[in-house]
Amino acid sequence: MTGPRLALVPGEPAGVGPELCVRLAQAPRTDCSLVAFADPATLRSAADALGLPLNLLHEDEPARRPGDMPLRMFPNANAVVFGHPDPRNAGAVVGALLDAADACMAGRFDGMVTGPVQKATINEGGIAYTGTTELLAGHAGSDVVMMLANDVVRVALATTHLPLRNVADAIDVELLVRVLRVTHEALRTGFGIPEPVIAVLGLNPHAGEAGHLGSEEIETIIPVLDRLRAQGMHLVGPLPADTAFLPRKLAGFDAVLAMYHDQGLPVLKYSGFERAVNVTLGLPYPRVAVDHGTALDLAGQGLADPSSLEAAVATCARMAAQRQAR
């Protein structure tokens, strides 16, 4: 295998991440090679629960047969019971993420794919944790943007997990300039789009309707778009969010910038939740995550859909190959 080498971090060991990784090991890949950063006992338990073969290899050995999985070991502090997160294992979860990030930044790996984590359990384990995106951004010292993507649309977010009443105050010139620059550069370098077209949604209904439904478009969003257009970016908007996602309009956009979480993501998830992935733009390496949670109620039962993890690996492999080709 001569393609990109990707670190695969299952996430919360009591969730569905380990069994999804076991499913990935059942078919050889031609687009990349994978190394799991994980606890071997948990992966074996997941394989047993699924009734699937699993052959754990040294991280430098290539996978050749169904069930082969090269591994860098991160033993959990306590034995895992699927469906029941244990705060004592928080250190292994975060340690695997940070070690994978170090390996990517050192050039030993070309990208990282991550499974879902249980934020509350990590905090209960004594580690202050707001999310994997924030963890990796702080570790790399990077300005990052969250983008969700599937086969239909890519949606970047100006703000992420904010109460709705705080969103308008957060949308300022500095934020929008930073987010649009990071998104534009990532579309060029990670997705191979030389001159990306980005649709920018308005904050208010009807994109403010010339100031009658809010002034943020006139006072903030339009001046930013004009400024960045003068620097060569191809930006469309601000557009009313209720019509921007019509198929005939989406056909002309490479990405859509939504002002807040629930402005853009319901459309994306409706159009293809199973194949949706979460991409962290702005890191010095590609990082792609599944777009679902730990699904503790399904863990260990063989019921979890691997489609999002499969899409995350494929997306990360393409982005890593694109960077290698530059």
C-alpha atoms as a PDB file:
ATOM      1  CA  MET A   1       0.000   0.000   0.000  1.00  0.00           C
ATOM      2  CA  THR A   2       1.599   3.264  -1.104  1.00  0.00           C
ATOM      3  CA  GLY A   3      -1.263   5.618  -0.269  1.00  0.00           C
ATOM      4  CA  PRO A   4      -1.602   7.856   2.774  1.00  0.00           C
ATOM      5  CA  ARG A   5      -1.046   6.375   6.225  1.00  0.00           C
ATOM      6  CA  LEU A   6      -3.886   7.292   8.565  1.00  0.00           C
ATOM      7  CA  ALA A   7      -4.221   7.098  12.339  1.00  0.00           C
ATOM      8  CA  LEU A   8      -7.555   5.567  13.375  1.00  0.00           C
ATOM      9  CA  VAL A   9      -8.713   6.513  16.898  1.00  0.00           C
ATOM     10  CA  PRO A  10     -11.912   4.689  17.994  1.00  0.00           C
ATOM     11  CA  GLY A  11     -12.911   7.236  20.686  1.00  0.00           C
ATOM     12  CA  GLU A  12     -15.032   6.205  23.668  1.00  0.00           C
ATOM     13  CA  PRO A  13     -14.174   2.528  24.288  1.00  0.00           C
ATOM     14  CA  ALA A  14     -17.606   1.690  25.713  1.00  0.00           C
ATOM     15  CA  GLY A  15     -19.379   3.066  22.638  1.00  0.00           C
ATOM     16  CA  VAL A  16     -19.660   1.845  19.067  1.00  0.00           C
ATOM     17  CA  GLY A  17     -16.258   3.144  17.948  1.00  0.00           C
ATOM     18  CA  PRO A  18     -14.308  -0.088  18.582  1.00  0.00           C
ATOM     19  CA  GLU A  19     -16.767  -2.319  16.738  1.00  0.00           C
ATOM     20  CA  LEU A  20     -16.890   0.075  13.784  1.00  0.00           C
ATOM     21  CA  CYS A  21     -13.092  -0.119  13.600  1.00  0.00           C
ATOM     22  CA  VAL A  22     -13.313  -3.929  13.625  1.00  0.00           C
ATOM     23  CA  ARG A  23     -15.738  -3.754  10.707  1.00  0.00           C
ATOM     24  CA  LEU A  24     -13.284  -1.562   8.790  1.00  0.00           C
ATOM     25  CA  ALA A  25     -10.621  -4.228   9.214  1.00  0.00           C
ATOM     26  CA  GLN A  26     -12.698  -6.801   7.326  1.00  0.00           C
ATOM     27  CA  ALA A  27     -12.010  -5.390   3.861  1.00  0.00           C
ATOM     28  CA  PRO A  28      -8.596  -4.480   2.416  1.00  0.00           C
ATOM     29  CA  ARG A  29      -8.166  -0.848   1.411  1.00  0.00           C
ATOM     30  CA  THR A  30      -6.605   0.455  -1.757  1.00  0.00           C
ATOM     31  CA  ASP A  31      -6.772   4.179  -0.949  1.00  0.00           C
ATOM     32  CA  CYS A  32      -4.800   4.221   2.340  1.00  0.00           C
ATOM     33  CA  SER A  33      -3.378   2.198   5.201  1.00  0.00           C
ATOM     34  CA  LEU A  34      -4.814   2.376   8.717  1.00  0.00           C
ATOM     35  CA  VAL A  35      -3.218   2.036  12.134  1.00  0.00           C
ATOM     36  CA  ALA A  36      -5.537   1.879  15.144  1.00  0.00           C
ATOM     37  CA  PHE A  37      -4.503   3.858  18.238  1.00  0.00           C
ATOM     38  CA  ALA A  38      -6.479   1.797  20.696  1.00  0.00           C
ATOM     39  CA  ASP A  39      -6.735  -0.712  23.518  1.00  0.00           C
ATOM     40  CA  PRO A  40      -6.194  -4.251  22.147  1.00  0.00           C
ATOM     41  CA  ALA A  41      -8.489  -5.934  24.675  1.00  0.00           C
ATOM     42  CA  THR A  42     -11.366  -3.646  23.763  1.00  0.00           C
ATOM     43  CA  LEU A  43     -10.925  -4.283  20.044  1.00  0.00           C
ATOM     44  CA  ARG A  44     -10.851  -8.040  20.661  1.00  0.00           C
ATOM     45  CA  SER A  45     -14.016  -7.823  22.775  1.00  0.00           C
ATOM     46  CA  ALA A  46     -15.723  -5.897  19.981  1.00  0.00           C
ATOM     47  CA  ALA A  47     -14.636  -8.496  17.434  1.00  0.00           C
ATOM     48  CA  ASP A  48     -15.963 -11.280  19.646  1.00  0.00           C
ATOM     49  CA  ALA A  49     -19.288  -9.472  20.042  1.00  0.00           C
ATOM     50  CA  LEU A  50     -19.559  -9.155  16.257  1.00  0.00           C
ATOM     51  CA  GLY A  51     -18.324 -12.674  15.541  1.00  0.00           C
ATOM     52  CA  LEU A  52     -15.680 -11.275  13.182  1.00  0.00           C
ATOM     53  CA  PRO A  53     -11.991 -12.104  12.831  1.00  0.00           C
ATOM     54  CA  LEU A  54      -9.413  -9.665  14.181  1.00  0.00           C
ATOM     55  CA  ASN A  55      -5.670 -10.041  13.814  1.00  0.00           C
ATOM     56  CA  LEU A  56      -3.855  -7.255  15.655  1.00  0.00           C
ATOM     57  CA  LEU A  57      -0.492  -6.496  14.074  1.00  0.00           C
ATOM     58  CA  HIS A  58       2.482  -4.342  14.976  1.00  0.00           C
ATOM     59  CA  GLU A  59       1.846  -0.823  13.704  1.00  0.00           C
ATOM     60  CA  ASP A  60       4.533  -1.192  11.002  1.00  0.00           C
ATOM     61  CA  GLU A  61       3.121  -4.452   9.615  1.00  0.00           C
ATOM     62  CA  PRO A  62       0.828  -4.119   6.580  1.00  0.00           C
ATOM     63  CA  ALA A  63      -2.722  -5.443   6.659  1.00  0.00           C
ATOM     64  CA  ARG A  64      -3.035  -8.244   4.107  1.00  0.00           C
ATOM     65  CA  ARG A  65      -5.999 -10.394   5.180  1.00  0.00           C
ATOM     66  CA  PRO A  66      -9.567  -9.669   6.272  1.00  0.00           C
ATOM     67  CA  GLY A  67      -9.421  -8.902   9.970  1.00  0.00           C
ATOM     68  CA  ASP A  68      -5.854  -7.540   9.957  1.00  0.00           C
ATOM     69  CA  MET A  69      -5.449  -4.320  11.933  1.00  0.00           C
ATOM     70  CA  PRO A  70      -2.080  -2.693  12.608  1.00  0.00           C
ATOM     71  CA  LEU A  71      -2.131  -1.315  16.145  1.00  0.00           C
ATOM     72  CA  ARG A  72      -0.427   1.230  18.368  1.00  0.00           C
ATOM     73  CA  MET A  73      -1.458   0.201  21.868  1.00  0.00           C
ATOM     74  CA  PHE A  74      -3.211   2.534  24.304  1.00  0.00           C
ATOM     75  CA  PRO A  75      -4.345   0.236  27.130  1.00  0.00           C
ATOM     76  CA  ASN A  76      -7.367   1.323  29.122  1.00  0.00           C
ATOM     77  CA  ALA A  77      -7.005   1.647  32.877  1.00  0.00           C
ATOM     78  CA  ASN A  78     -10.081  -0.496  33.454  1.00  0.00           C
ATOM     79  CA  ALA A  79     -11.814  -3.294  31.553  1.00  0.00           C
ATOM     80  CA  VAL A  80     -14.513  -2.010  29.215  1.00  0.00           C
ATOM     81  CA  VAL A  81     -18.183  -2.909  29.517  1.00  0.00           C
ATOM     82  CA  PHE A  82     -19.938  -1.866  26.315  1.00  0.00           C
ATOM     83  CA  GLY A  83     -22.634   0.699  26.949  1.00  0.00           C
ATOM     84  CA  HIS A  84     -21.125   1.813  30.279  1.00  0.00           C
ATOM     85  CA  PRO A  85     -18.424   4.505  29.995  1.00  0.00           C
ATOM     86  CA  ASP A  86     -15.783   4.500  32.727  1.00  0.00           C
ATOM     87  CA  PRO A  87     -14.121   7.815  33.667  1.00  0.00           C
ATOM     88  CA  ARG A  88     -10.981   5.888  34.593  1.00  0.00           C
ATOM     89  CA  ASN A  89     -10.400   5.279  30.878  1.00  0.00           C
ATOM     90  CA  ALA A  90     -10.506   8.971  29.968  1.00  0.00           C
ATOM     91  CA  GLY A  91      -6.713   9.241  30.001  1.00  0.00           C
ATOM     92  CA  ALA A  92      -6.332   6.533  27.374  1.00  0.00           C
ATOM     93  CA  VAL A  93      -8.971   8.151  25.132  1.00  0.00           C
ATOM     94  CA  VAL A  94      -7.337  11.583  25.206  1.00  0.00           C
ATOM     95  CA  GLY A  95      -3.833  10.115  25.108  1.00  0.00           C
ATOM     96  CA  ALA A  96      -4.591   8.254  21.893  1.00  0.00           C
ATOM     97  CA  LEU A  97      -5.911  11.427  20.270  1.00  0.00           C
ATOM     98  CA  LEU A  98      -2.890  13.501  21.259  1.00  0.00           C
ATOM     99  CA  ASP A  99      -0.397  10.820  20.267  1.00  0.00           C
ATOM    100  CA  ALA A 100      -2.058  10.484  16.875  1.00  0.00           C
ATOM    101  CA  ALA A 101      -1.906  14.265  16.500  1.00  0.00           C
ATOM    102  CA  ASP A 102       1.801  14.259  17.380  1.00  0.00           C
ATOM    103  CA  ALA A 103       2.437  11.499  14.842  1.00  0.00           C
ATOM    104  CA  CYS A 104       0.631  13.492  12.139  1.00  0.00           C
ATOM    105  CA  MET A 105       2.486  16.690  12.949  1.00  0.00           C
ATOM    106  CA  ALA A 106       5.802  14.813  12.859  1.00  0.00           C
ATOM    107  CA  GLY A 107       4.985  13.477   9.388  1.00  0.00           C
ATOM    108  CA  ARG A 108       4.820   9.822  10.449  1.00  0.00           C
ATOM    109  CA  PHE A 109       1.105   9.755   9.570  1.00  0.00           C
ATOM    110  CA  ASP A 110      -0.717  11.667   6.857  1.00  0.00           C
ATOM    111  CA  GLY A 111      -4.058  12.202   8.598  1.00  0.00           C
ATOM    112  CA  MET A 112      -6.328  11.183  11.441  1.00  0.00           C
ATOM    113  CA  VAL A 113      -9.782   9.597  11.548  1.00  0.00           C
ATOM    114  CA  THR A 114     -11.621   9.728  14.865  1.00  0.00           C
ATOM    115  CA  GLY A 115     -14.614   7.940  16.315  1.00  0.00           C
ATOM    116  CA  PRO A 116     -17.114   9.464  18.762  1.00  0.00           C
ATOM    117  CA  VAL A 117     -16.164  10.411  22.319  1.00  0.00           C
ATOM    118  CA  GLN A 118     -18.209  10.858  25.483  1.00  0.00           C
ATOM    119  CA  LYS A 119     -17.365  14.389  26.655  1.00  0.00           C
ATOM    120  CA  ALA A 120     -19.022  14.049  30.043  1.00  0.00           C
ATOM    121  CA  THR A 121     -17.055  10.897  30.859  1.00  0.00           C
ATOM    122  CA  ILE A 122     -13.742  12.554  29.988  1.00  0.00           C
ATOM    123  CA  ASN A 123     -14.557  15.487  32.256  1.00  0.00           C
ATOM    124  CA  GLU A 124     -15.605  13.095  35.006  1.00  0.00           C
ATOM    125  CA  GLY A 125     -12.188  11.497  34.593  1.00  0.00           C
ATOM    126  CA  GLY A 126     -10.554  14.760  35.636  1.00  0.00           C
ATOM    127  CA  ILE A 127      -9.632  16.048  32.162  1.00  0.00           C
ATOM    128  CA  ALA A 128     -11.127  19.394  31.129  1.00  0.00           C
ATOM    129  CA  TYR A 129     -12.583  18.652  27.703  1.00  0.00           C
ATOM    130  CA  THR A 130     -14.887  20.641  25.457  1.00  0.00           C
ATOM    131  CA  GLY A 131     -14.491  18.529  22.327  1.00  0.00           C
ATOM    132  CA  THR A 132     -11.998  16.798  20.056  1.00  0.00           C
ATOM    133  CA  THR A 133     -11.961  19.693  17.583  1.00  0.00           C
ATOM    134  CA  GLU A 134     -10.998  22.103  20.366  1.00  0.00           C
ATOM    135  CA  LEU A 135      -8.432  19.657  21.763  1.00  0.00           C
ATOM    136  CA  LEU A 136      -6.649  19.241  18.432  1.00  0.00           C
ATOM    137  CA  ALA A 137      -6.825  22.950  17.603  1.00  0.00           C
ATOM    138  CA  GLY A 138      -5.197  23.873  20.907  1.00  0.00           C
ATOM    139  CA  HIS A 139      -2.593  21.159  20.537  1.00  0.00           C
ATOM    140  CA  ALA A 140      -1.586  22.400  17.069  1.00  0.00           C
ATOM    141  CA  GLY A 141      -2.032  26.103  17.847  1.00  0.00           C
ATOM    142  CA  SER A 142      -4.305  26.415  14.825  1.00  0.00           C
ATOM    143  CA  ASP A 143      -7.363  28.463  13.931  1.00  0.00           C
ATOM    144  CA  VAL A 144      -9.884  25.859  12.864  1.00  0.00           C
ATOM    145  CA  VAL A 145     -13.329  25.683  11.300  1.00  0.00           C
ATOM    146  CA  MET A 146     -15.842  22.871  11.662  1.00  0.00           C
ATOM    147  CA  MET A 147     -17.231  21.553   8.394  1.00  0.00           C
ATOM    148  CA  LEU A 148     -19.816  18.807   7.964  1.00  0.00           C
ATOM    149  CA  ALA A 149     -19.929  17.144   4.573  1.00  0.00           C
ATOM    150  CA  ASN A 150     -21.628  14.377   2.643  1.00  0.00           C
ATOM    151  CA  ASP A 151     -22.048  13.547  -1.035  1.00  0.00           C
ATOM    152  CA  VAL A 152     -24.567  16.381  -1.465  1.00  0.00           C
ATOM    153  CA  VAL A 153     -23.179  19.426   0.333  1.00  0.00           C
ATOM    154  CA  ARG A 154     -20.340  20.780   2.465  1.00  0.00           C
ATOM    155  CA  VAL A 155     -21.423  23.060   5.322  1.00  0.00           C
ATOM    156  CA  ALA A 156     -18.891  25.127   7.284  1.00  0.00           C
ATOM    157  CA  LEU A 157     -19.953  26.833  10.507  1.00  0.00           C
ATOM    158  CA  ALA A 158     -19.186  30.388  11.576  1.00  0.00           C
ATOM    159  CA  THR A 159     -20.259  29.513  15.137  1.00  0.00           C
ATOM    160  CA  THR A 160     -20.670  26.032  16.567  1.00  0.00           C
ATOM    161  CA  HIS A 161     -22.117  25.179  19.966  1.00  0.00           C
ATOM    162  CA  LEU A 162     -23.527  28.513  21.109  1.00  0.00           C
ATOM    163  CA  PRO A 163     -26.932  29.313  22.567  1.00  0.00           C
ATOM    164  CA  LEU A 164     -29.002  30.985  19.868  1.00  0.00           C
ATOM    165  CA  ARG A 165     -29.317  34.242  21.810  1.00  0.00           C
ATOM    166  CA  ASN A 166     -25.488  34.574  21.754  1.00  0.00           C
ATOM    167  CA  VAL A 167     -24.981  33.965  18.042  1.00  0.00           C
ATOM    168  CA  ALA A 168     -25.630  37.512  16.779  1.00  0.00           C
ATOM    169  CA  ASP A 169     -23.084  38.974  19.189  1.00  0.00           C
ATOM    170  CA  ALA A 170     -20.490  36.424  18.085  1.00  0.00           C
ATOM    171  CA  ILE A 171     -20.809  37.239  14.366  1.00  0.00           C
ATOM    172  CA  ASP A 172     -18.261  40.001  13.880  1.00  0.00           C
ATOM    173  CA  VAL A 173     -15.812  41.051  11.181  1.00  0.00           C
ATOM    174  CA  GLU A 174     -12.798  39.290  12.688  1.00  0.00           C
ATOM    175  CA  LEU A 175     -14.651  35.993  13.040  1.00  0.00           C
ATOM    176  CA  LEU A 176     -16.058  35.976   9.517  1.00  0.00           C
ATOM    177  CA  VAL A 177     -12.755  36.938   7.906  1.00  0.00           C
ATOM    178  CA  ARG A 178     -10.947  34.165   9.778  1.00  0.00           C
ATOM    179  CA  VAL A 179     -13.562  31.501   9.065  1.00  0.00           C
ATOM    180  CA  LEU A 180     -13.816  32.332   5.367  1.00  0.00           C
ATOM    181  CA  ARG A 181     -10.037  32.391   4.901  1.00  0.00           C
ATOM    182  CA  VAL A 182      -9.591  29.038   6.641  1.00  0.00           C
ATOM    183  CA  THR A 183     -12.459  27.502   4.649  1.00  0.00           C
ATOM    184  CA  HIS A 184     -11.215  28.886   1.340  1.00  0.00           C
ATOM    185  CA  GLU A 185      -7.674  27.608   1.880  1.00  0.00           C
ATOM    186  CA  ALA A 186      -8.878  24.181   3.037  1.00  0.00           C
ATOM    187  CA  LEU A 187     -11.058  23.773  -0.064  1.00  0.00           C
ATOM    188  CA  ARG A 188      -7.975  24.502  -2.169  1.00  0.00           C
ATOM    189  CA  THR A 189      -5.427  22.360  -0.338  1.00  0.00           C
ATOM    190  CA  GLY A 190      -7.565  19.571   1.107  1.00  0.00           C
ATOM    191  CA  PHE A 191     -10.262  19.191  -1.532  1.00  0.00           C
ATOM    192  CA  GLY A 192      -8.275  20.188  -4.614  1.00  0.00           C
ATOM    193  CA  ILE A 193     -10.596  22.999  -5.726  1.00  0.00           C
ATOM    194  CA  PRO A 194      -8.390  25.723  -7.264  1.00  0.00           C
ATOM    195  CA  GLU A 195     -11.006  28.509  -7.153  1.00  0.00           C
ATOM    196  CA  PRO A 196     -13.691  27.505  -4.654  1.00  0.00           C
ATOM    197  CA  VAL A 197     -17.120  29.094  -4.688  1.00  0.00           C
ATOM    198  CA  ILE A 198     -18.480  29.608  -1.170  1.00  0.00           C
ATOM    199  CA  ALA A 199     -22.112  30.512  -0.514  1.00  0.00           C
ATOM    200  CA  VAL A 200     -22.527  32.605   2.631  1.00  0.00           C
ATOM    201  CA  LEU A 201     -25.856  32.542   4.447  1.00  0.00           C
ATOM    202  CA  GLY A 202     -27.354  35.591   6.077  1.00  0.00           C
ATOM    203  CA  LEU A 203     -27.946  35.568   9.805  1.00  0.00           C
ATOM    204  CA  ASN A 204     -31.539  36.786   9.689  1.00  0.00           C
ATOM    205  CA  PRO A 205     -34.639  35.551   7.815  1.00  0.00           C
ATOM    206  CA  HIS A 206     -34.508  36.602   4.161  1.00  0.00           C
ATOM    207  CA  ALA A 207     -30.874  37.648   4.806  1.00  0.00           C
ATOM    208  CA  GLY A 208     -32.180  40.675   6.668  1.00  0.00           C
ATOM    209  CA  GLU A 209     -34.482  41.889   3.877  1.00  0.00           C
ATOM    210  CA  ALA A 210     -32.506  45.099   3.258  1.00  0.00           C
ATOM    211  CA  GLY A 211     -32.342  45.859   6.971  1.00  0.00           C
ATOM    212  CA  HIS A 212     -36.025  45.370   7.743  1.00  0.00           C
ATOM    213  CA  LEU A 213     -35.393  42.051   9.512  1.00  0.00           C
ATOM    214  CA  GLY A 214     -32.036  42.819  11.087  1.00  0.00           C
ATOM    215  CA  SER A 215     -28.942  44.878  10.403  1.00  0.00           C
ATOM    216  CA  GLU A 216     -26.156  42.278  10.715  1.00  0.00           C
ATOM    217  CA  GLU A 217     -26.039  41.625   6.973  1.00  0.00           C
ATOM    218  CA  ILE A 218     -25.619  45.319   6.119  1.00  0.00           C
ATOM    219  CA  GLU A 219     -23.277  46.207   8.978  1.00  0.00           C
ATOM    220  CA  THR A 220     -21.074  43.119   9.139  1.00  0.00           C
ATOM    221  CA  ILE A 221     -21.565  40.339   6.602  1.00  0.00           C
ATOM    222  CA  ILE A 222     -21.708  42.332   3.347  1.00  0.00           C
ATOM    223  CA  PRO A 223     -18.616  44.459   4.158  1.00  0.00           C
ATOM    224  CA  VAL A 224     -16.636  41.288   4.911  1.00  0.00           C
ATOM    225  CA  LEU A 225     -17.723  39.651   1.661  1.00  0.00           C
ATOM    226  CA  ASP A 226     -16.833  42.767  -0.338  1.00  0.00           C
ATOM    227  CA  ARG A 227     -13.416  42.930   1.336  1.00  0.00           C
ATOM    228  CA  LEU A 228     -12.579  39.302   0.625  1.00  0.00           C
ATOM    229  CA  ARG A 229     -13.956  39.428  -2.909  1.00  0.00           C
ATOM    230  CA  ALA A 230     -11.490  42.240  -3.567  1.00  0.00           C
ATOM    231  CA  GLN A 231      -8.762  39.824  -2.449  1.00  0.00           C
ATOM    232  CA  GLY A 232      -9.824  37.226  -5.000  1.00  0.00           C
ATOM    233  CA  MET A 233     -12.295  34.990  -3.179  1.00  0.00           C
ATOM    234  CA  HIS A 234     -15.432  33.879  -5.005  1.00  0.00           C
ATOM    235  CA  LEU A 235     -18.186  34.439  -2.424  1.00  0.00           C
ATOM    236  CA  VAL A 236     -21.931  34.383  -3.067  1.00  0.00           C
ATOM    237  CA  GLY A 237     -24.317  36.054  -0.662  1.00  0.00           C
ATOM    238  CA  PRO A 238     -25.449  36.748   1.885  1.00  0.00           C
ATOM    239  CA  LEU A 239     -28.210  34.341   0.879  1.00  0.00           C
ATOM    240  CA  PRO A 240     -31.501  33.565   2.622  1.00  0.00           C
ATOM    241  CA  ALA A 241     -31.007  30.217   4.325  1.00  0.00           C
ATOM    242  CA  ASP A 242     -34.434  28.912   3.384  1.00  0.00           C
ATOM    243  CA  THR A 243     -33.631  28.815  -0.348  1.00  0.00           C
ATOM    244  CA  ALA A 244     -29.830  28.525  -0.470  1.00  0.00           C
ATOM    245  CA  PHE A 245     -29.942  24.726  -0.296  1.00  0.00           C
ATOM    246  CA  LEU A 246     -32.147  24.210  -3.336  1.00  0.00           C
ATOM    247  CA  PRO A 247     -30.421  21.632  -5.562  1.00  0.00           C
ATOM    248  CA  ARG A 248     -30.068  23.965  -8.550  1.00  0.00           C
ATOM    249  CA  LYS A 249     -28.287  26.503  -6.331  1.00  0.00           C
ATOM    250  CA  LEU A 250     -26.097  23.970  -4.536  1.00  0.00           C
ATOM    251  CA  ALA A 251     -24.839  22.803  -7.927  1.00  0.00           C
ATOM    252  CA  GLY A 252     -22.942  26.092  -8.212  1.00  0.00           C
ATOM    253  CA  PHE A 253     -21.338  26.033  -4.736  1.00  0.00           C
ATOM    254  CA  ASP A 254     -18.339  24.141  -3.397  1.00  0.00           C
ATOM    255  CA  ALA A 255     -19.350  24.861   0.209  1.00  0.00           C
ATOM    256  CA  VAL A 256     -21.920  26.786   2.235  1.00  0.00           C
ATOM    257  CA  LEU A 257     -21.009  28.887   5.272  1.00  0.00           C
ATOM    258  CA  ALA A 258     -23.801  28.819   7.855  1.00  0.00           C
ATOM    259  CA  MET A 259     -23.877  31.392  10.626  1.00  0.00           C
ATOM    260  CA  TYR A 260     -24.888  28.906  13.320  1.00  0.00           C
ATOM    261  CA  HIS A 261     -25.158  25.184  13.971  1.00  0.00           C
ATOM    262  CA  ASP A 262     -28.845  24.531  13.306  1.00  0.00           C
ATOM    263  CA  GLN A 263     -29.012  26.852  10.307  1.00  0.00           C
ATOM    264  CA  GLY A 264     -27.063  24.488   8.068  1.00  0.00           C
ATOM    265  CA  LEU A 265     -26.711  21.092   9.666  1.00  0.00           C
ATOM    266  CA  PRO A 266     -30.355  19.929   9.595  1.00  0.00           C
ATOM    267  CA  VAL A 267     -30.281  20.213   5.800  1.00  0.00           C
ATOM    268  CA  LEU A 268     -27.019  18.313   5.565  1.00  0.00           C
ATOM    269  CA  LYS A 269     -28.189  15.534   7.857  1.00  0.00           C
ATOM    270  CA  TYR A 270     -31.517  15.215   6.082  1.00  0.00           C
ATOM    271  CA  SER A 271     -29.728  14.925   2.734  1.00  0.00           C
ATOM    272  CA  GLY A 272     -27.521  12.031   3.877  1.00  0.00           C
ATOM    273  CA  PHE A 273     -26.845  11.559   7.589  1.00  0.00           C
ATOM    274  CA  GLU A 274     -25.404   8.049   7.251  1.00  0.00           C
ATOM    275  CA  ARG A 275     -22.582   9.214   4.966  1.00  0.00           C
ATOM    276  CA  ALA A 276     -21.955  12.541   6.676  1.00  0.00           C
ATOM    277  CA  VAL A 277     -18.540  13.314   8.162  1.00  0.00           C
ATOM    278  CA  ASN A 278     -17.077  16.035  10.360  1.00  0.00           C
ATOM    279  CA  VAL A 279     -13.945  17.696   8.929  1.00  0.00           C
ATOM    280  CA  THR A 280     -11.692  19.974  10.987  1.00  0.00           C
ATOM    281  CA  LEU A 281     -10.375  22.647   8.616  1.00  0.00           C
ATOM    282  CA  GLY A 282      -7.199  24.564   9.453  1.00  0.00           C
ATOM    283  CA  LEU A 283      -5.113  21.857  11.142  1.00  0.00           C
ATOM    284  CA  PRO A 284      -1.669  21.075   9.682  1.00  0.00           C
ATOM    285  CA  TYR A 285      -2.984  17.613   8.771  1.00  0.00           C
ATOM    286  CA  PRO A 286      -6.367  16.225   7.652  1.00  0.00           C
ATOM    287  CA  ARG A 287      -8.684  15.207  10.482  1.00  0.00           C
ATOM    288  CA  VAL A 288     -12.051  13.671   9.722  1.00  0.00           C
ATOM    289  CA  ALA A 289     -14.530  12.312  12.266  1.00  0.00           C
ATOM    290  CA  VAL A 290     -17.792  10.445  12.175  1.00  0.00           C
ATOM    291  CA  ASP A 291     -20.915  12.581  12.356  1.00  0.00           C
ATOM    292  CA  HIS A 292     -22.640  10.618  15.101  1.00  0.00           C
ATOM    293  CA  GLY A 293     -22.323   9.976  18.799  1.00  0.00           C
ATOM    294  CA  THR A 294     -21.171   7.043  20.892  1.00  0.00           C
ATOM    295  CA  ALA A 295     -24.541   5.233  20.590  1.00  0.00           C
ATOM    296  CA  LEU A 296     -24.099   3.560  23.972  1.00  0.00           C
ATOM    297  CA  ASP A 297     -27.468   1.830  23.614  1.00  0.00           C
ATOM    298  CA  LEU A 298     -26.173  -0.023  20.526  1.00  0.00           C
ATOM    299  CA  ALA A 299     -22.622  -0.746  21.655  1.00  0.00           C
ATOM    300  CA  GLY A 300     -21.520  -4.376  21.562  1.00  0.00           C
ATOM    301  CA  GLN A 301     -24.624  -5.564  19.733  1.00  0.00           C
ATOM    302  CA  GLY A 302     -23.427  -5.396  16.145  1.00  0.00           C
ATOM    303  CA  LEU A 303     -26.215  -2.964  15.186  1.00  0.00           C
ATOM    304  CA  ALA A 304     -24.183   0.199  14.540  1.00  0.00           C
ATOM    305  CA  ASP A 305     -23.997   1.445  10.944  1.00  0.00           C
ATOM    306  CA  PRO A 306     -20.354   1.785   9.809  1.00  0.00           C
ATOM    307  CA  SER A 307     -21.202   4.089   6.877  1.00  0.00           C
ATOM    308  CA  SER A 308     -20.050   7.326   8.528  1.00  0.00           C
ATOM    309  CA  LEU A 309     -16.702   5.857   9.607  1.00  0.00           C
ATOM    310  CA  GLU A 310     -16.170   4.392   6.148  1.00  0.00           C
ATOM    311  CA  ALA A 311     -16.925   7.797   4.630  1.00  0.00           C
ATOM    312  CA  ALA A 312     -14.585   9.486   7.130  1.00  0.00           C
ATOM    313  CA  VAL A 313     -11.701   7.211   6.145  1.00  0.00           C
ATOM    314  CA  ALA A 314     -12.356   7.717   2.430  1.00  0.00           C
ATOM    315  CA  THR A 315     -12.582  11.499   2.867  1.00  0.00           C
ATOM    316  CA  CYS A 316      -9.407  11.664   4.964  1.00  0.00           C
ATOM    317  CA  ALA A 317      -7.546   9.504   2.454  1.00  0.00           C
ATOM    318  CA  ARG A 318      -8.552  11.807  -0.403  1.00  0.00           C
ATOM    319  CA  MET A 319      -7.560  14.911   1.536  1.00  0.00           C
ATOM    320  CA  ALA A 320      -4.205  13.414   2.531  1.00  0.00           C
ATOM    321  CA  ALA A 321      -3.496  12.337  -1.055  1.00  0.00           C
ATOM    322  CA  GLN A 322      -4.394  15.819  -2.257  1.00  0.00           C
ATOM    323  CA  ARG A 323      -1.895  17.354   0.160  1.00  0.00           C
ATOM    324  CA  GLN A 324       0.781  14.878  -0.894  1.00  0.00           C
ATOM    325  CA  ALA A 325       0.237  15.810  -4.539  1.00  0.00           C
ATOM    326  CA  ARG A 326       0.767  19.528  -3.976  1.00  0.00           C
END
